[in-house]
Amino acid sequence: MSSGNQRCIVITGVSRGLGRALTGKFAQDGHVVAGCARSDSAIQELTLSLGPPHRFRAVDVSDDNQVRSWAEELIAAGHVPDLLINNAGLINRNAPLWDLAADETDRVVDVNINGVINVIRHFAPAMIAQRQGIIVNLSSGWGRSVAPEVAPYCATKWAVEGLTQALAEELPSGMAAVPVNPGIIDTDMLQSCFGSHAAAYPSAEEWAHGAAPFLLNLNASNNGQSLTV
């Protein structure tokens, strides 16, 4: 855990999109970031571009053993999160539910739900021991509404909302679990759904400029609230 105004921030899915943009913004603002992603090359790039005290590791959040090893390494090094952001996520290709193969829907569920649970399982106890820290689980507008051809993604984000609100009732006083809808941002994920129309929305970097302070300002009074950046 960091001291003063500097925060220790742990983020999943830092290789691209919102996770990459947040990582850059938090680091620029003087916070210590520890992040993971599945891509070895992206992790190497982040390590070279940002360097110590930031720490990055290739981790598949749907693999509990990998998450356990990553969390143990960070906590042993004193990187207990002040802010834990579950950002890693996948979306299915646009298609009716019955046209999606089992392995595709399984992967969306494994990353978007089980990945969040795995990360909380291995980081929350160290945060609880210090009775402080904010857990942010990134939801979606499609975690509070629905759209055709993205049913598995909608299901997982509705699950994130419920999971986070239940977690909020389990945490001790002084902590918070918050489901956050990031809004509509021009990322690879949005492009997969909206095509060229995604360009009408803010870039991830533009979004992070306002989102980073928003997330840093969350506190115990926000516990269990469904918020939107």
Protein backbone atom coordinates (compact mmCIF):
# COMPACT_ATOMS: atom_id res chain seq x y z
CA MET A 1 0.00 0.00 0.00
CA SER A 2 1.29 3.46 -0.89
CA SER A 3 1.52 6.47 1.38
CA GLY A 4 0.49 10.10 1.12
CA ASN A 5 -1.33 11.00 -2.07
CA GLN A 6 0.33 8.21 -4.04
CA ARG A 7 -1.87 5.14 -4.48
CA CYS A 8 -1.06 1.54 -5.24
CA ILE A 9 -3.38 0.56 -8.07
CA VAL A 10 -3.87 -2.95 -9.42
CA ILE A 11 -5.56 -3.28 -12.83
CA THR A 12 -6.41 -6.30 -14.94
CA GLY A 13 -6.48 -6.21 -18.73
CA VAL A 14 -3.80 -3.55 -19.19
CA SER A 15 -2.71 -4.54 -22.70
CA ARG A 16 -5.17 -2.32 -24.58
CA GLY A 17 -8.32 -0.24 -24.39
CA LEU A 18 -9.46 1.16 -21.07
CA GLY A 19 -6.92 -0.78 -19.01
CA ARG A 20 -3.97 0.49 -21.04
CA ALA A 21 -5.27 4.05 -20.99
CA LEU A 22 -5.87 4.02 -17.23
CA THR A 23 -2.42 2.54 -16.62
CA GLY A 24 -0.76 5.36 -18.51
CA LYS A 25 -2.83 8.05 -16.81
CA PHE A 26 -2.32 6.72 -13.28
CA ALA A 27 1.42 6.32 -13.85
CA GLN A 28 1.66 9.83 -15.31
CA ASP A 29 -0.06 11.20 -12.22
CA GLY A 30 2.48 9.61 -9.90
CA HIS A 31 0.68 6.49 -8.73
CA VAL A 32 2.18 3.00 -8.62
CA VAL A 33 0.48 0.61 -11.02
CA ALA A 34 0.61 -3.18 -11.06
CA GLY A 35 -1.16 -4.71 -14.02
CA CYS A 36 -1.76 -7.93 -15.86
CA ALA A 37 -2.84 -9.07 -19.31
CA ARG A 38 -2.66 -12.28 -21.29
CA SER A 39 -0.33 -10.87 -23.95
CA ASP A 40 3.36 -11.44 -23.23
CA SER A 41 4.39 -8.88 -25.85
CA ALA A 42 2.10 -6.21 -24.39
CA ILE A 43 3.46 -6.86 -20.90
CA GLN A 44 7.03 -6.55 -22.20
CA GLU A 45 6.13 -3.26 -23.90
CA LEU A 46 4.58 -1.85 -20.73
CA THR A 47 7.54 -2.93 -18.63
CA LEU A 48 9.95 -1.23 -21.01
CA SER A 49 7.91 1.95 -21.40
CA LEU A 50 6.97 2.52 -17.76
CA GLY A 51 9.48 0.50 -15.73
CA PRO A 52 9.85 0.47 -11.93
CA PRO A 53 8.14 1.03 -9.58
CA HIS A 54 5.35 -0.22 -11.84
CA ARG A 55 5.03 -3.98 -12.20
CA PHE A 56 3.42 -5.96 -15.02
CA ARG A 57 2.92 -9.67 -15.53
CA ALA A 58 1.30 -11.95 -18.09
CA VAL A 59 -1.71 -13.51 -16.36
CA ASP A 60 -4.93 -15.10 -17.59
CA VAL A 61 -7.43 -14.00 -14.96
CA SER A 62 -9.67 -16.99 -15.68
CA ASP A 63 -6.88 -19.25 -14.38
CA ASP A 64 -7.09 -19.20 -10.58
CA ASN A 65 -3.57 -20.54 -10.11
CA GLN A 66 -2.07 -17.80 -12.25
CA VAL A 67 -3.99 -15.14 -10.35
CA ARG A 68 -2.93 -16.63 -7.02
CA SER A 69 0.74 -16.56 -8.00
CA TRP A 70 0.48 -12.97 -9.27
CA ALA A 71 -1.30 -11.75 -6.13
CA GLU A 72 1.15 -13.48 -3.80
CA GLU A 73 4.08 -11.90 -5.64
CA LEU A 74 2.61 -8.39 -5.43
CA ILE A 75 1.47 -8.63 -1.82
CA ALA A 76 4.85 -10.01 -0.73
CA ALA A 77 6.45 -6.97 -2.38
CA GLY A 78 4.15 -4.65 -0.43
CA HIS A 79 1.78 -3.92 -3.30
CA VAL A 80 -1.51 -4.27 -1.42
CA PRO A 81 -4.00 -2.36 -3.58
CA ASP A 82 -5.52 0.92 -2.46
CA LEU A 83 -7.58 0.61 -5.63
CA LEU A 84 -8.27 -2.72 -7.34
CA ILE A 85 -9.82 -2.44 -10.81
CA ASN A 86 -11.24 -5.52 -12.50
CA ASN A 87 -11.16 -4.34 -16.08
CA ALA A 88 -10.26 -7.46 -18.11
CA GLY A 89 -13.16 -8.53 -20.27
CA LEU A 90 -14.23 -10.15 -23.52
CA ILE A 91 -17.26 -9.75 -25.75
CA ASN A 92 -18.78 -12.35 -28.05
CA ARG A 93 -18.98 -11.70 -31.80
CA ASN A 94 -22.29 -10.21 -32.87
CA ALA A 95 -24.67 -13.13 -33.30
CA PRO A 96 -27.94 -14.54 -31.94
CA LEU A 97 -27.38 -16.61 -28.83
CA TRP A 98 -28.14 -19.93 -30.56
CA ASP A 99 -25.49 -19.28 -33.21
CA LEU A 100 -22.65 -18.91 -30.70
CA ALA A 101 -20.49 -21.95 -30.05
CA ALA A 102 -20.07 -23.22 -26.51
CA ASP A 103 -16.34 -22.51 -26.41
CA GLU A 104 -16.94 -18.85 -27.30
CA THR A 105 -19.61 -18.27 -24.66
CA ASP A 106 -17.61 -20.25 -22.09
CA ARG A 107 -14.62 -17.97 -22.62
CA VAL A 108 -16.70 -14.81 -22.16
CA VAL A 109 -18.13 -16.18 -18.90
CA ASP A 110 -14.75 -17.42 -17.68
CA VAL A 111 -13.03 -14.06 -18.12
CA ASN A 112 -15.87 -11.66 -17.31
CA ILE A 113 -17.22 -13.44 -14.23
CA ASN A 114 -14.75 -16.05 -12.98
CA GLY A 115 -11.84 -13.72 -13.69
CA VAL A 116 -13.35 -11.06 -11.44
CA ILE A 117 -13.98 -13.60 -8.69
CA ASN A 118 -10.44 -15.00 -8.92
CA VAL A 119 -8.87 -11.56 -8.59
CA ILE A 120 -11.04 -10.64 -5.62
CA ARG A 121 -10.38 -14.01 -3.98
CA HIS A 122 -6.63 -13.41 -3.93
CA PHE A 123 -6.38 -9.66 -3.35
CA ALA A 124 -9.30 -8.86 -1.06
CA PRO A 125 -7.97 -10.64 2.08
CA ALA A 126 -4.85 -8.43 2.18
CA MET A 127 -7.01 -5.34 1.69
CA ILE A 128 -9.46 -6.46 4.38
CA ALA A 129 -6.57 -7.03 6.80
CA GLN A 130 -5.81 -3.32 6.46
CA ARG A 131 -9.53 -2.43 6.52
CA GLN A 132 -9.21 -0.09 3.60
CA GLY A 133 -9.25 -0.15 -0.16
CA ILE A 134 -11.70 0.21 -3.04
CA ILE A 135 -12.65 -2.62 -5.38
CA VAL A 136 -14.00 -1.45 -8.74
CA ASN A 137 -15.55 -3.99 -11.08
CA LEU A 138 -16.10 -2.53 -14.53
CA SER A 139 -19.62 -3.21 -15.67
CA SER A 140 -21.31 -1.84 -18.78
CA GLY A 141 -24.43 -0.12 -20.00
CA TRP A 142 -25.28 -3.66 -21.05
CA GLY A 143 -25.05 -4.68 -17.41
CA ARG A 144 -28.13 -2.55 -16.76
CA SER A 145 -29.90 -2.90 -20.10
CA VAL A 146 -29.69 -5.32 -23.04
CA ALA A 147 -29.13 -5.44 -26.78
CA PRO A 148 -29.51 -8.16 -29.40
CA GLU A 149 -26.56 -10.30 -30.50
CA VAL A 150 -24.50 -9.68 -27.34
CA ALA A 151 -26.52 -11.83 -24.92
CA PRO A 152 -23.54 -13.61 -23.28
CA TYR A 153 -21.76 -10.30 -22.69
CA CYS A 154 -24.94 -8.76 -21.25
CA ALA A 155 -25.37 -11.76 -18.96
CA THR A 156 -21.84 -11.44 -17.60
CA LYS A 157 -22.12 -7.72 -16.95
CA TRP A 158 -25.47 -8.14 -15.20
CA ALA A 159 -23.66 -10.74 -13.11
CA VAL A 160 -20.88 -8.27 -12.31
CA GLU A 161 -23.47 -5.82 -11.02
CA GLY A 162 -25.04 -8.38 -8.70
CA LEU A 163 -21.74 -9.88 -7.60
CA THR A 164 -20.36 -6.45 -6.70
CA GLN A 165 -23.41 -5.39 -4.74
CA ALA A 166 -23.33 -8.66 -2.78
CA LEU A 167 -19.60 -8.21 -2.14
CA ALA A 168 -20.34 -4.70 -0.84
CA GLU A 169 -22.41 -6.23 1.95
CA GLU A 170 -19.54 -8.52 2.95
CA LEU A 171 -16.75 -5.95 3.20
CA PRO A 172 -15.84 -4.34 6.53
CA SER A 173 -16.51 -0.68 7.27
CA GLY A 174 -14.02 1.60 5.54
CA MET A 175 -13.92 -0.36 2.28
CA ALA A 176 -16.08 -0.31 -0.83
CA ALA A 177 -17.01 -2.47 -3.78
CA VAL A 178 -18.39 -0.46 -6.68
CA PRO A 179 -19.73 -1.59 -10.06
CA VAL A 180 -18.81 1.11 -12.58
CA ASN A 181 -20.22 1.53 -16.06
CA PRO A 182 -17.42 3.22 -18.04
CA GLY A 183 -19.78 4.57 -20.69
CA ILE A 184 -19.37 4.24 -24.46
CA ILE A 185 -15.74 4.49 -25.59
CA ASP A 186 -14.07 3.83 -28.93
CA THR A 187 -12.19 0.61 -28.17
CA ASP A 188 -11.61 -2.64 -30.06
CA MET A 189 -14.57 -4.08 -28.17
CA LEU A 190 -16.93 -1.30 -29.27
CA GLN A 191 -15.62 -1.54 -32.84
CA SER A 192 -16.56 -5.23 -32.86
CA CYS A 193 -20.17 -4.21 -32.17
CA PHE A 194 -20.55 -0.78 -33.79
CA GLY A 195 -18.05 -1.04 -36.65
CA SER A 196 -17.01 2.34 -38.06
CA HIS A 197 -19.64 4.10 -35.92
CA ALA A 198 -17.42 3.51 -32.88
CA ALA A 199 -15.24 6.40 -34.04
CA ALA A 200 -18.00 8.82 -33.00
CA TYR A 201 -17.21 8.13 -29.35
CA PRO A 202 -14.27 9.29 -27.18
CA SER A 203 -10.99 7.39 -27.37
CA ALA A 204 -9.81 5.39 -24.40
CA GLU A 205 -7.15 8.01 -23.68
CA GLU A 206 -9.71 10.82 -23.71
CA TRP A 207 -11.93 8.79 -21.41
CA ALA A 208 -9.11 8.02 -18.97
CA HIS A 209 -8.42 11.73 -18.47
CA GLY A 210 -11.70 12.06 -16.59
CA ALA A 211 -12.12 8.47 -15.45
CA ALA A 212 -8.87 8.24 -13.49
CA PRO A 213 -9.73 11.03 -11.01
CA PHE A 214 -13.31 9.74 -10.82
CA LEU A 215 -12.06 6.31 -9.73
CA LEU A 216 -9.52 7.76 -7.31
CA ASN A 217 -12.24 9.78 -5.61
CA LEU A 218 -14.36 6.73 -4.79
CA ASN A 219 -14.55 6.04 -1.07
CA ALA A 220 -16.41 3.98 1.53
CA SER A 221 -19.55 6.07 1.09
CA ASN A 222 -19.86 4.67 -2.47
CA ASN A 223 -19.99 1.06 -1.27
CA GLY A 224 -22.53 -0.90 -3.34
CA GLN A 225 -23.53 2.02 -5.55
CA SER A 226 -23.91 1.38 -9.28
CA LEU A 227 -22.06 4.31 -10.81
CA THR A 228 -21.23 5.58 -14.28
CA VAL A 229 -18.14 7.54 -15.34
